[in-house]
Amino acid sequence: MIVPRSPAITEPTPARTAAALRATLGVLYRRIRQTRVAGDLTLPEGSALSRLDHHGPATGAQLAKLEQISPQSMGATLQGLEARGLIQRAADPDDGRRVVLSLTSAGREVVHSKRAARTEQLTQALATLSPAERAQVLDVLPLLDRLAREI
């Protein structure tokens, strides 16, 4: 079943499309973020672990800059992660005065289990759609990817 556009939206102007997309993606994002797994992390903790998983070892200052938070806030987050055994510190091989942070195997497992739980949540929701509706979702993904690169 193909889902028609709302008749109230006669012309898909950039502003109308942006408002509708933001509202829908906002709800989807919040629902996905609400997925709980054992040993759940705070948003800053999960984000720091995810960055380390995707980008490899980094300094606290680099993580703070990527997350657009203060180094002090990132430091508190990193201390909590280190206390839980999810990250480890090591001297920077290029500059022994700096400390580089990386995931431990426990940290990697937490990140991957959280991703798996969110993927399973989406899988279950997508199973309620018809094959044609799932095809629509797949068809729009390249456009969403292009939009993400434009922002």
N, C-alpha and C. Protein backbone atom coordinates (compact mmCIF):
# COMPACT_ATOMS: atom_id res chain seq x y z
N MET A 1 0.84 -1.18 0.00
CA MET A 1 0.00 0.00 0.00
C MET A 1 0.88 1.23 0.00
N ILE A 2 0.67 2.11 -0.94
CA ILE A 2 1.44 3.35 -1.02
C ILE A 2 0.71 4.39 -0.20
N VAL A 3 1.48 5.05 0.68
CA VAL A 3 0.90 6.05 1.57
C VAL A 3 0.85 7.38 0.84
N PRO A 4 -0.36 7.95 0.63
CA PRO A 4 -0.44 9.23 -0.07
C PRO A 4 -0.05 10.39 0.84
N ARG A 5 0.38 11.48 0.21
CA ARG A 5 0.67 12.70 0.96
C ARG A 5 -0.63 13.27 1.48
N SER A 6 -0.51 13.98 2.58
CA SER A 6 -1.68 14.64 3.15
C SER A 6 -2.22 15.66 2.16
N PRO A 7 -3.56 15.70 1.96
CA PRO A 7 -4.11 16.67 1.01
C PRO A 7 -3.91 18.11 1.46
N ALA A 8 -3.66 18.34 2.75
CA ALA A 8 -3.44 19.69 3.25
C ALA A 8 -2.14 20.28 2.71
N ILE A 9 -1.20 19.42 2.34
CA ILE A 9 0.06 19.90 1.79
C ILE A 9 -0.04 19.80 0.27
N THR A 10 -0.41 20.91 -0.35
CA THR A 10 -0.60 20.90 -1.79
C THR A 10 0.70 21.11 -2.54
N GLU A 11 1.55 21.94 -2.02
CA GLU A 11 2.83 22.18 -2.69
C GLU A 11 3.95 21.83 -1.71
N PRO A 12 4.82 20.90 -2.08
CA PRO A 12 5.90 20.50 -1.17
C PRO A 12 7.04 21.53 -1.16
N THR A 13 6.77 22.69 -0.59
CA THR A 13 7.81 23.72 -0.51
C THR A 13 8.91 23.23 0.42
N PRO A 14 10.10 23.77 0.30
CA PRO A 14 11.17 23.37 1.23
C PRO A 14 10.78 23.56 2.70
N ALA A 15 10.12 24.66 3.02
CA ALA A 15 9.75 24.93 4.42
C ALA A 15 8.73 23.91 4.93
N ARG A 16 7.71 23.62 4.14
CA ARG A 16 6.70 22.65 4.57
C ARG A 16 7.30 21.25 4.68
N THR A 17 8.12 20.90 3.73
CA THR A 17 8.76 19.59 3.75
C THR A 17 9.68 19.47 4.96
N ALA A 18 10.44 20.54 5.23
CA ALA A 18 11.36 20.53 6.38
C ALA A 18 10.60 20.36 7.69
N ALA A 19 9.50 21.07 7.85
CA ALA A 19 8.71 20.98 9.09
C ALA A 19 8.14 19.57 9.27
N ALA A 20 7.59 19.01 8.20
CA ALA A 20 7.00 17.67 8.29
C ALA A 20 8.08 16.62 8.56
N LEU A 21 9.20 16.74 7.87
CA LEU A 21 10.30 15.79 8.05
C LEU A 21 10.88 15.87 9.46
N ARG A 22 11.08 17.10 9.96
CA ARG A 22 11.62 17.28 11.31
C ARG A 22 10.70 16.67 12.35
N ALA A 23 9.42 16.89 12.21
CA ALA A 23 8.47 16.35 13.18
C ALA A 23 8.47 14.82 13.17
N THR A 24 8.42 14.24 12.00
CA THR A 24 8.39 12.78 11.89
C THR A 24 9.69 12.16 12.35
N LEU A 25 10.81 12.69 11.90
CA LEU A 25 12.10 12.13 12.31
C LEU A 25 12.34 12.35 13.80
N GLY A 26 11.83 13.44 14.34
CA GLY A 26 11.97 13.69 15.78
C GLY A 26 11.30 12.61 16.60
N VAL A 27 10.09 12.24 16.22
CA VAL A 27 9.37 11.17 16.93
C VAL A 27 10.12 9.85 16.77
N LEU A 28 10.53 9.54 15.54
CA LEU A 28 11.25 8.29 15.29
C LEU A 28 12.55 8.24 16.10
N TYR A 29 13.29 9.33 16.10
CA TYR A 29 14.55 9.39 16.84
C TYR A 29 14.33 9.19 18.34
N ARG A 30 13.33 9.87 18.89
CA ARG A 30 13.06 9.73 20.33
C ARG A 30 12.67 8.30 20.68
N ARG A 31 11.86 7.67 19.85
CA ARG A 31 11.45 6.29 20.13
C ARG A 31 12.64 5.35 20.08
N ILE A 32 13.51 5.55 19.12
CA ILE A 32 14.70 4.69 19.02
C ILE A 32 15.61 4.93 20.22
N ARG A 33 15.79 6.18 20.62
CA ARG A 33 16.65 6.51 21.76
C ARG A 33 16.11 5.92 23.06
N GLN A 34 14.82 5.67 23.12
CA GLN A 34 14.21 5.15 24.35
C GLN A 34 14.44 3.65 24.52
N THR A 35 15.05 3.01 23.54
CA THR A 35 15.33 1.58 23.64
C THR A 35 16.29 1.35 24.79
N ARG A 36 15.90 0.52 25.71
CA ARG A 36 16.71 0.24 26.89
C ARG A 36 17.40 -1.10 26.77
N VAL A 37 18.66 -1.12 27.21
CA VAL A 37 19.40 -2.37 27.30
C VAL A 37 20.08 -2.40 28.67
N ALA A 38 20.50 -3.58 29.07
CA ALA A 38 21.16 -3.72 30.37
C ALA A 38 22.38 -2.80 30.44
N GLY A 39 22.58 -2.17 31.59
CA GLY A 39 23.73 -1.28 31.77
C GLY A 39 23.63 -0.04 30.91
N ASP A 40 22.41 0.46 30.73
CA ASP A 40 22.18 1.58 29.82
C ASP A 40 23.05 2.78 30.18
N LEU A 41 23.34 3.53 29.16
CA LEU A 41 24.23 4.68 29.26
C LEU A 41 23.44 5.97 29.20
N THR A 42 24.05 7.03 29.72
CA THR A 42 23.46 8.35 29.52
C THR A 42 23.73 8.73 28.06
N LEU A 43 23.04 9.75 27.58
CA LEU A 43 23.24 10.20 26.21
C LEU A 43 24.70 10.58 25.95
N PRO A 44 25.36 11.38 26.82
CA PRO A 44 26.76 11.71 26.57
C PRO A 44 27.68 10.48 26.59
N GLU A 45 27.40 9.53 27.49
CA GLU A 45 28.22 8.32 27.55
C GLU A 45 28.08 7.50 26.27
N GLY A 46 26.84 7.30 25.85
CA GLY A 46 26.60 6.54 24.63
C GLY A 46 27.22 7.20 23.42
N SER A 47 27.13 8.50 23.36
CA SER A 47 27.69 9.23 22.24
C SER A 47 29.21 9.13 22.21
N ALA A 48 29.85 9.26 23.36
CA ALA A 48 31.32 9.15 23.42
C ALA A 48 31.77 7.75 23.03
N LEU A 49 31.09 6.73 23.54
CA LEU A 49 31.45 5.36 23.17
C LEU A 49 31.25 5.12 21.68
N SER A 50 30.16 5.63 21.14
CA SER A 50 29.89 5.45 19.72
C SER A 50 30.96 6.13 18.86
N ARG A 51 31.38 7.32 19.27
CA ARG A 51 32.44 8.02 18.53
C ARG A 51 33.73 7.21 18.55
N LEU A 52 34.09 6.69 19.71
CA LEU A 52 35.31 5.89 19.81
C LEU A 52 35.20 4.62 18.98
N ASP A 53 34.01 4.05 18.93
CA ASP A 53 33.82 2.84 18.13
C ASP A 53 33.93 3.14 16.64
N HIS A 54 33.34 4.23 16.20
CA HIS A 54 33.35 4.58 14.77
C HIS A 54 34.69 5.15 14.30
N HIS A 55 35.30 5.98 15.13
CA HIS A 55 36.47 6.74 14.68
C HIS A 55 37.78 6.29 15.30
N GLY A 56 37.72 5.37 16.23
CA GLY A 56 38.94 4.89 16.85
C GLY A 56 39.40 5.78 18.00
N PRO A 57 40.58 5.49 18.54
CA PRO A 57 41.09 6.24 19.70
C PRO A 57 41.12 7.74 19.45
N ALA A 58 40.87 8.49 20.53
CA ALA A 58 40.84 9.95 20.45
C ALA A 58 41.18 10.52 21.82
N THR A 59 41.55 11.79 21.82
CA THR A 59 41.78 12.47 23.10
C THR A 59 40.44 12.98 23.62
N GLY A 60 40.42 13.32 24.90
CA GLY A 60 39.21 13.90 25.49
C GLY A 60 38.85 15.21 24.81
N ALA A 61 39.86 16.01 24.47
CA ALA A 61 39.61 17.29 23.80
C ALA A 61 38.99 17.07 22.43
N GLN A 62 39.46 16.07 21.70
CA GLN A 62 38.89 15.78 20.38
C GLN A 62 37.43 15.35 20.51
N LEU A 63 37.14 14.51 21.50
CA LEU A 63 35.76 14.06 21.71
C LEU A 63 34.86 15.23 22.10
N ALA A 64 35.36 16.11 22.97
CA ALA A 64 34.57 17.27 23.39
C ALA A 64 34.26 18.16 22.19
N LYS A 65 35.22 18.36 21.32
CA LYS A 65 35.00 19.18 20.13
C LYS A 65 33.98 18.54 19.21
N LEU A 66 34.10 17.23 18.98
CA LEU A 66 33.14 16.54 18.12
C LEU A 66 31.73 16.59 18.68
N GLU A 67 31.61 16.49 19.99
CA GLU A 67 30.30 16.49 20.64
C GLU A 67 29.80 17.90 20.94
N GLN A 68 30.64 18.89 20.69
CA GLN A 68 30.31 20.29 20.93
C GLN A 68 29.90 20.54 22.38
N ILE A 69 30.71 20.00 23.28
CA ILE A 69 30.52 20.24 24.71
C ILE A 69 31.85 20.69 25.30
N SER A 70 31.82 21.17 26.53
CA SER A 70 33.04 21.65 27.16
C SER A 70 33.96 20.47 27.50
N PRO A 71 35.26 20.71 27.51
CA PRO A 71 36.19 19.65 27.91
C PRO A 71 35.91 19.15 29.34
N GLN A 72 35.44 20.03 30.20
CA GLN A 72 35.13 19.63 31.57
C GLN A 72 33.96 18.64 31.61
N SER A 73 32.92 18.92 30.82
CA SER A 73 31.79 18.00 30.76
C SER A 73 32.20 16.66 30.18
N MET A 74 33.03 16.71 29.13
CA MET A 74 33.50 15.47 28.54
C MET A 74 34.37 14.71 29.53
N GLY A 75 35.18 15.42 30.29
CA GLY A 75 36.03 14.78 31.29
C GLY A 75 35.23 13.99 32.31
N ALA A 76 34.12 14.59 32.78
CA ALA A 76 33.26 13.90 33.75
C ALA A 76 32.65 12.65 33.13
N THR A 77 32.22 12.76 31.88
CA THR A 77 31.65 11.61 31.17
C THR A 77 32.68 10.50 31.04
N LEU A 78 33.89 10.88 30.64
CA LEU A 78 34.94 9.89 30.43
C LEU A 78 35.37 9.23 31.72
N GLN A 79 35.38 9.97 32.82
CA GLN A 79 35.71 9.37 34.11
C GLN A 79 34.72 8.27 34.48
N GLY A 80 33.44 8.54 34.23
CA GLY A 80 32.42 7.54 34.52
C GLY A 80 32.58 6.30 33.66
N LEU A 81 32.90 6.50 32.38
CA LEU A 81 33.10 5.37 31.48
C LEU A 81 34.33 4.55 31.87
N GLU A 82 35.37 5.25 32.28
CA GLU A 82 36.59 4.55 32.70
C GLU A 82 36.35 3.77 33.99
N ALA A 83 35.61 4.35 34.91
CA ALA A 83 35.30 3.67 36.18
C ALA A 83 34.50 2.39 35.94
N ARG A 84 33.69 2.38 34.89
CA ARG A 84 32.89 1.20 34.55
C ARG A 84 33.65 0.22 33.67
N GLY A 85 34.89 0.55 33.34
CA GLY A 85 35.71 -0.35 32.53
C GLY A 85 35.36 -0.38 31.06
N LEU A 86 34.73 0.70 30.57
CA LEU A 86 34.29 0.74 29.18
C LEU A 86 35.29 1.41 28.25
N ILE A 87 36.17 2.23 28.82
CA ILE A 87 37.24 2.86 28.04
C ILE A 87 38.55 2.70 28.80
N GLN A 88 39.64 2.87 28.08
CA GLN A 88 40.96 2.83 28.71
C GLN A 88 41.79 3.99 28.20
N ARG A 89 42.74 4.40 29.02
CA ARG A 89 43.63 5.50 28.67
C ARG A 89 45.01 4.94 28.35
N ALA A 90 45.68 5.60 27.41
CA ALA A 90 47.06 5.24 27.07
C ALA A 90 47.77 6.51 26.61
N ALA A 91 49.08 6.51 26.74
CA ALA A 91 49.86 7.64 26.26
C ALA A 91 49.76 7.72 24.74
N ASP A 92 49.65 8.94 24.23
CA ASP A 92 49.61 9.16 22.79
C ASP A 92 50.98 8.79 22.23
N PRO A 93 51.05 7.90 21.24
CA PRO A 93 52.34 7.49 20.70
C PRO A 93 53.10 8.64 20.03
N ASP A 94 52.36 9.66 19.56
CA ASP A 94 53.00 10.80 18.89
C ASP A 94 53.39 11.90 19.86
N ASP A 95 52.73 11.96 21.01
CA ASP A 95 52.99 13.02 22.00
C ASP A 95 52.68 12.45 23.38
N GLY A 96 53.71 12.01 24.07
CA GLY A 96 53.56 11.35 25.36
C GLY A 96 52.88 12.20 26.42
N ARG A 97 52.75 13.51 26.18
CA ARG A 97 52.07 14.38 27.16
C ARG A 97 50.55 14.23 27.08
N ARG A 98 50.05 13.75 25.94
CA ARG A 98 48.61 13.60 25.76
C ARG A 98 48.17 12.18 26.08
N VAL A 99 46.90 12.07 26.42
CA VAL A 99 46.29 10.77 26.71
C VAL A 99 45.28 10.45 25.62
N VAL A 100 45.36 9.25 25.10
CA VAL A 100 44.42 8.79 24.08
C VAL A 100 43.48 7.78 24.72
N LEU A 101 42.21 7.90 24.39
CA LEU A 101 41.18 7.03 24.94
C LEU A 101 40.72 6.05 23.87
N SER A 102 40.46 4.84 24.28
CA SER A 102 39.93 3.83 23.36
C SER A 102 38.96 2.93 24.10
N LEU A 103 38.15 2.22 23.33
CA LEU A 103 37.19 1.30 23.91
C LEU A 103 37.89 0.05 24.45
N THR A 104 37.38 -0.45 25.54
CA THR A 104 37.78 -1.78 26.00
C THR A 104 36.85 -2.78 25.31
N SER A 105 37.12 -4.04 25.46
CA SER A 105 36.21 -5.03 24.86
C SER A 105 34.83 -4.92 25.49
N ALA A 106 34.75 -4.59 26.78
CA ALA A 106 33.45 -4.41 27.44
C ALA A 106 32.72 -3.20 26.85
N GLY A 107 33.46 -2.13 26.57
CA GLY A 107 32.87 -0.94 25.97
C GLY A 107 32.34 -1.22 24.58
N ARG A 108 33.10 -1.97 23.80
CA ARG A 108 32.68 -2.34 22.45
C ARG A 108 31.41 -3.20 22.51
N GLU A 109 31.36 -4.10 23.47
CA GLU A 109 30.18 -4.96 23.63
C GLU A 109 28.94 -4.14 23.99
N VAL A 110 29.09 -3.15 24.86
CA VAL A 110 27.96 -2.29 25.23
C VAL A 110 27.45 -1.53 24.01
N VAL A 111 28.35 -0.95 23.23
CA VAL A 111 27.95 -0.20 22.04
C VAL A 111 27.23 -1.11 21.05
N HIS A 112 27.78 -2.28 20.82
CA HIS A 112 27.19 -3.18 19.84
C HIS A 112 25.85 -3.76 20.31
N SER A 113 25.71 -4.03 21.61
CA SER A 113 24.44 -4.55 22.09
C SER A 113 23.35 -3.48 22.02
N LYS A 114 23.71 -2.22 22.27
CA LYS A 114 22.74 -1.12 22.15
C LYS A 114 22.29 -0.98 20.70
N ARG A 115 23.24 -1.03 19.77
CA ARG A 115 22.90 -0.95 18.34
C ARG A 115 22.01 -2.12 17.93
N ALA A 116 22.34 -3.31 18.41
CA ALA A 116 21.55 -4.49 18.05
C ALA A 116 20.12 -4.36 18.58
N ALA A 117 19.96 -3.83 19.79
CA ALA A 117 18.62 -3.65 20.36
C ALA A 117 17.82 -2.64 19.54
N ARG A 118 18.46 -1.58 19.11
CA ARG A 118 17.76 -0.57 18.31
C ARG A 118 17.42 -1.12 16.93
N THR A 119 18.32 -1.90 16.35
CA THR A 119 18.03 -2.51 15.06
C THR A 119 16.86 -3.48 15.18
N GLU A 120 16.83 -4.25 16.25
CA GLU A 120 15.72 -5.18 16.47
C GLU A 120 14.41 -4.43 16.64
N GLN A 121 14.44 -3.30 17.34
CA GLN A 121 13.24 -2.49 17.52
C GLN A 121 12.72 -2.01 16.15
N LEU A 122 13.62 -1.54 15.30
CA LEU A 122 13.22 -1.11 13.96
C LEU A 122 12.73 -2.29 13.12
N THR A 123 13.39 -3.42 13.25
CA THR A 123 12.99 -4.62 12.50
C THR A 123 11.56 -5.00 12.83
N GLN A 124 11.23 -4.99 14.10
CA GLN A 124 9.87 -5.34 14.51
C GLN A 124 8.84 -4.34 13.98
N ALA A 125 9.19 -3.07 14.02
CA ALA A 125 8.27 -2.05 13.50
C ALA A 125 8.11 -2.18 11.98
N LEU A 126 9.21 -2.42 11.28
CA LEU A 126 9.15 -2.57 9.83
C LEU A 126 8.37 -3.81 9.42
N ALA A 127 8.36 -4.82 10.26
CA ALA A 127 7.61 -6.05 9.97
C ALA A 127 6.10 -5.79 9.91
N THR A 128 5.66 -4.69 10.52
CA THR A 128 4.23 -4.36 10.49
C THR A 128 3.83 -3.67 9.18
N LEU A 129 4.81 -3.28 8.37
CA LEU A 129 4.54 -2.63 7.09
C LEU A 129 4.43 -3.67 5.99
N SER A 130 3.75 -3.31 4.95
CA SER A 130 3.65 -4.20 3.78
C SER A 130 4.98 -4.16 3.03
N PRO A 131 5.23 -5.15 2.17
CA PRO A 131 6.45 -5.11 1.35
C PRO A 131 6.56 -3.82 0.53
N ALA A 132 5.45 -3.34 -0.01
CA ALA A 132 5.47 -2.11 -0.80
C ALA A 132 5.86 -0.91 0.07
N GLU A 133 5.35 -0.88 1.30
CA GLU A 133 5.70 0.22 2.21
C GLU A 133 7.18 0.15 2.60
N ARG A 134 7.69 -1.05 2.84
CA ARG A 134 9.13 -1.18 3.13
C ARG A 134 9.96 -0.74 1.93
N ALA A 135 9.48 -1.03 0.74
CA ALA A 135 10.18 -0.57 -0.47
C ALA A 135 10.20 0.96 -0.54
N GLN A 136 9.11 1.60 -0.14
CA GLN A 136 9.07 3.06 -0.09
C GLN A 136 10.13 3.60 0.87
N VAL A 137 10.23 2.97 2.03
CA VAL A 137 11.23 3.39 3.01
C VAL A 137 12.63 3.27 2.40
N LEU A 138 12.90 2.15 1.77
CA LEU A 138 14.21 1.96 1.13
C LEU A 138 14.45 2.99 0.02
N ASP A 139 13.42 3.29 -0.74
CA ASP A 139 13.57 4.25 -1.83
C ASP A 139 13.93 5.65 -1.36
N VAL A 140 13.47 6.03 -0.18
CA VAL A 140 13.71 7.39 0.30
C VAL A 140 15.08 7.53 1.00
N LEU A 141 15.69 6.41 1.38
CA LEU A 141 16.96 6.48 2.11
C LEU A 141 18.07 7.24 1.39
N PRO A 142 18.27 7.05 0.08
CA PRO A 142 19.31 7.84 -0.58
C PRO A 142 19.06 9.35 -0.50
N LEU A 143 17.79 9.75 -0.55
CA LEU A 143 17.49 11.17 -0.41
C LEU A 143 17.79 11.66 1.00
N LEU A 144 17.44 10.87 2.00
CA LEU A 144 17.73 11.26 3.38
C LEU A 144 19.24 11.33 3.61
N ASP A 145 19.97 10.41 3.03
CA ASP A 145 21.41 10.44 3.14
C ASP A 145 21.98 11.71 2.50
N ARG A 146 21.46 12.07 1.35
CA ARG A 146 21.90 13.30 0.68
C ARG A 146 21.56 14.53 1.52
N LEU A 147 20.37 14.55 2.11
CA LEU A 147 19.99 15.66 3.00
C LEU A 147 20.96 15.76 4.18
N ALA A 148 21.29 14.61 4.76
CA ALA A 148 22.20 14.62 5.91
C ALA A 148 23.54 15.23 5.55
N ARG A 149 24.00 14.98 4.34
CA ARG A 149 25.29 15.55 3.91
C ARG A 149 25.18 17.05 3.65
N GLU A 150 23.98 17.54 3.35
CA GLU A 150 23.78 18.97 3.08
C GLU A 150 23.67 19.81 4.35
N ILE A 151 23.34 19.18 5.45
CA ILE A 151 23.14 19.91 6.71
C ILE A 151 24.48 20.20 7.36
